[in-house]
Amino acid sequence: MSRSKVYLLAQRGEIPHFRHGGSVRFDRREVLDWWQQHRRGADSAHDHRKCTSVDRHYT
């Protein structure tokens, strides 16, 4: 994931972060936990799309 994408997610409040002065900081463990939870959801959504496209192809 690109640095700009990470900061965009933080700005939207979608990724765990905190502010220290004018800086945005990240706790590695919190971000890793967040990423693993969201990756699992994306993987299952991707599998669903894959099955749907295969079903459309063979019907």
N, C-alpha and C. Protein backbone atom coordinates (compact mmCIF):
# COMPACT_ATOMS: atom_id res chain seq x y z
N MET A 1 0.86 -1.16 0.00
CA MET A 1 0.00 0.00 0.00
C MET A 1 0.90 1.23 0.00
N SER A 2 0.58 2.19 -0.79
CA SER A 2 1.41 3.39 -0.90
C SER A 2 1.26 4.28 0.34
N ARG A 3 2.24 5.10 0.54
CA ARG A 3 2.23 6.04 1.68
C ARG A 3 1.04 6.99 1.56
N SER A 4 0.78 7.49 0.36
CA SER A 4 -0.34 8.43 0.20
C SER A 4 -1.68 7.75 0.51
N LYS A 5 -1.82 6.47 0.16
CA LYS A 5 -3.05 5.73 0.47
C LYS A 5 -3.22 5.59 1.98
N VAL A 6 -2.13 5.31 2.69
CA VAL A 6 -2.19 5.17 4.15
C VAL A 6 -2.64 6.48 4.78
N TYR A 7 -2.06 7.60 4.35
CA TYR A 7 -2.44 8.89 4.93
C TYR A 7 -3.87 9.26 4.55
N LEU A 8 -4.31 8.89 3.37
CA LEU A 8 -5.70 9.15 2.98
C LEU A 8 -6.66 8.36 3.87
N LEU A 9 -6.33 7.09 4.13
CA LEU A 9 -7.17 6.28 5.03
C LEU A 9 -7.19 6.86 6.43
N ALA A 10 -6.05 7.36 6.90
CA ALA A 10 -5.99 7.99 8.23
C ALA A 10 -6.83 9.26 8.25
N GLN A 11 -6.75 10.04 7.20
CA GLN A 11 -7.51 11.29 7.14
C GLN A 11 -9.01 11.01 7.17
N ARG A 12 -9.44 9.94 6.54
CA ARG A 12 -10.85 9.56 6.53
C ARG A 12 -11.28 8.88 7.83
N GLY A 13 -10.31 8.54 8.69
CA GLY A 13 -10.62 7.85 9.94
C GLY A 13 -10.83 6.36 9.76
N GLU A 14 -10.37 5.80 8.64
CA GLU A 14 -10.58 4.39 8.35
C GLU A 14 -9.46 3.51 8.89
N ILE A 15 -8.34 4.08 9.27
CA ILE A 15 -7.20 3.32 9.75
C ILE A 15 -6.80 3.88 11.11
N PRO A 16 -6.42 3.00 12.06
CA PRO A 16 -6.06 3.50 13.39
C PRO A 16 -4.83 4.41 13.35
N HIS A 17 -4.93 5.57 13.98
CA HIS A 17 -3.82 6.51 14.01
C HIS A 17 -4.02 7.48 15.17
N PHE A 18 -3.00 8.25 15.47
CA PHE A 18 -3.13 9.32 16.46
C PHE A 18 -2.26 10.48 16.02
N ARG A 19 -2.57 11.63 16.53
CA ARG A 19 -1.81 12.83 16.18
C ARG A 19 -0.91 13.21 17.34
N HIS A 20 0.32 13.57 17.01
CA HIS A 20 1.28 14.07 17.99
C HIS A 20 1.79 15.40 17.44
N GLY A 21 1.29 16.48 18.00
CA GLY A 21 1.60 17.79 17.43
C GLY A 21 0.94 17.89 16.06
N GLY A 22 1.72 18.21 15.04
CA GLY A 22 1.19 18.28 13.68
C GLY A 22 1.40 17.01 12.90
N SER A 23 1.96 15.97 13.54
CA SER A 23 2.28 14.72 12.85
C SER A 23 1.19 13.68 13.03
N VAL A 24 1.05 12.83 12.05
CA VAL A 24 0.17 11.68 12.14
C VAL A 24 1.06 10.49 12.45
N ARG A 25 0.71 9.75 13.50
CA ARG A 25 1.50 8.59 13.92
C ARG A 25 0.65 7.33 13.86
N PHE A 26 1.32 6.21 13.68
CA PHE A 26 0.65 4.92 13.59
C PHE A 26 1.28 3.94 14.56
N ASP A 27 0.45 3.16 15.24
CA ASP A 27 0.93 2.06 16.06
C ASP A 27 0.96 0.83 15.15
N ARG A 28 2.12 0.26 14.97
CA ARG A 28 2.27 -0.86 14.02
C ARG A 28 1.33 -2.01 14.32
N ARG A 29 1.18 -2.36 15.59
CA ARG A 29 0.30 -3.49 15.94
C ARG A 29 -1.16 -3.19 15.62
N GLU A 30 -1.60 -2.00 15.93
CA GLU A 30 -3.00 -1.63 15.64
C GLU A 30 -3.25 -1.64 14.14
N VAL A 31 -2.31 -1.11 13.37
CA VAL A 31 -2.48 -1.08 11.91
C VAL A 31 -2.44 -2.49 11.35
N LEU A 32 -1.55 -3.34 11.86
CA LEU A 32 -1.48 -4.73 11.40
C LEU A 32 -2.78 -5.46 11.69
N ASP A 33 -3.31 -5.29 12.90
CA ASP A 33 -4.60 -5.91 13.25
C ASP A 33 -5.70 -5.42 12.33
N TRP A 34 -5.74 -4.11 12.09
CA TRP A 34 -6.75 -3.51 11.21
C TRP A 34 -6.63 -4.09 9.80
N TRP A 35 -5.39 -4.18 9.30
CA TRP A 35 -5.14 -4.67 7.94
C TRP A 35 -5.57 -6.12 7.80
N GLN A 36 -5.25 -6.95 8.80
CA GLN A 36 -5.62 -8.36 8.73
C GLN A 36 -7.13 -8.53 8.75
N GLN A 37 -7.83 -7.75 9.54
CA GLN A 37 -9.29 -7.84 9.57
C GLN A 37 -9.89 -7.41 8.25
N HIS A 38 -9.40 -6.33 7.66
CA HIS A 38 -9.96 -5.84 6.41
C HIS A 38 -9.52 -6.67 5.22
N ARG A 39 -8.35 -7.27 5.31
CA ARG A 39 -7.88 -8.13 4.22
C ARG A 39 -8.76 -9.36 4.13
N ARG A 40 -9.13 -9.93 5.27
CA ARG A 40 -9.99 -11.11 5.26
C ARG A 40 -11.32 -10.79 4.60
N GLY A 41 -11.88 -9.63 4.88
CA GLY A 41 -13.13 -9.22 4.26
C GLY A 41 -12.98 -9.03 2.76
N ALA A 42 -11.85 -8.46 2.35
CA ALA A 42 -11.60 -8.24 0.92
C ALA A 42 -11.38 -9.57 0.22
N ASP A 43 -10.68 -10.51 0.87
CA ASP A 43 -10.44 -11.82 0.26
C ASP A 43 -11.74 -12.56 0.04
N SER A 44 -12.65 -12.53 1.01
CA SER A 44 -13.92 -13.23 0.84
C SER A 44 -14.76 -12.55 -0.24
N ALA A 45 -14.71 -11.22 -0.31
CA ALA A 45 -15.44 -10.51 -1.37
C ALA A 45 -14.85 -10.85 -2.72
N HIS A 46 -13.53 -10.96 -2.79
CA HIS A 46 -12.87 -11.31 -4.05
C HIS A 46 -13.26 -12.72 -4.47
N ASP A 47 -13.29 -13.67 -3.52
CA ASP A 47 -13.69 -15.03 -3.84
C ASP A 47 -15.11 -15.06 -4.36
N HIS A 48 -16.00 -14.25 -3.76
CA HIS A 48 -17.39 -14.20 -4.21
C HIS A 48 -17.46 -13.68 -5.64
N ARG A 49 -16.70 -12.64 -5.96
CA ARG A 49 -16.71 -12.11 -7.32
C ARG A 49 -16.18 -13.14 -8.29
N LYS A 50 -15.13 -13.87 -7.89
CA LYS A 50 -14.55 -14.86 -8.76
C LYS A 50 -15.58 -15.93 -9.09
N CYS A 51 -16.31 -16.42 -8.09
CA CYS A 51 -17.32 -17.45 -8.30
C CYS A 51 -18.43 -16.92 -9.19
N THR A 52 -18.84 -15.69 -8.96
CA THR A 52 -19.90 -15.10 -9.75
C THR A 52 -19.50 -14.98 -11.21
N SER A 53 -18.25 -14.55 -11.46
CA SER A 53 -17.82 -14.41 -12.85
C SER A 53 -17.71 -15.77 -13.52
N VAL A 54 -17.29 -16.80 -12.78
CA VAL A 54 -17.21 -18.14 -13.34
C VAL A 54 -18.60 -18.65 -13.65
N ASP A 55 -19.54 -18.42 -12.73
CA ASP A 55 -20.91 -18.85 -12.96
C ASP A 55 -21.49 -18.19 -14.20
N ARG A 56 -21.23 -16.92 -14.38
CA ARG A 56 -21.73 -16.21 -15.56
C ARG A 56 -21.10 -16.78 -16.83
N HIS A 57 -19.83 -17.14 -16.73
CA HIS A 57 -19.12 -17.63 -17.90
C HIS A 57 -19.68 -18.97 -18.37
N TYR A 58 -20.06 -19.84 -17.42
CA TYR A 58 -20.50 -21.19 -17.78
C TYR A 58 -22.01 -21.33 -17.91
N THR A 59 -22.78 -20.27 -17.71
CA THR A 59 -24.23 -20.39 -17.86
C THR A 59 -24.69 -19.97 -19.21
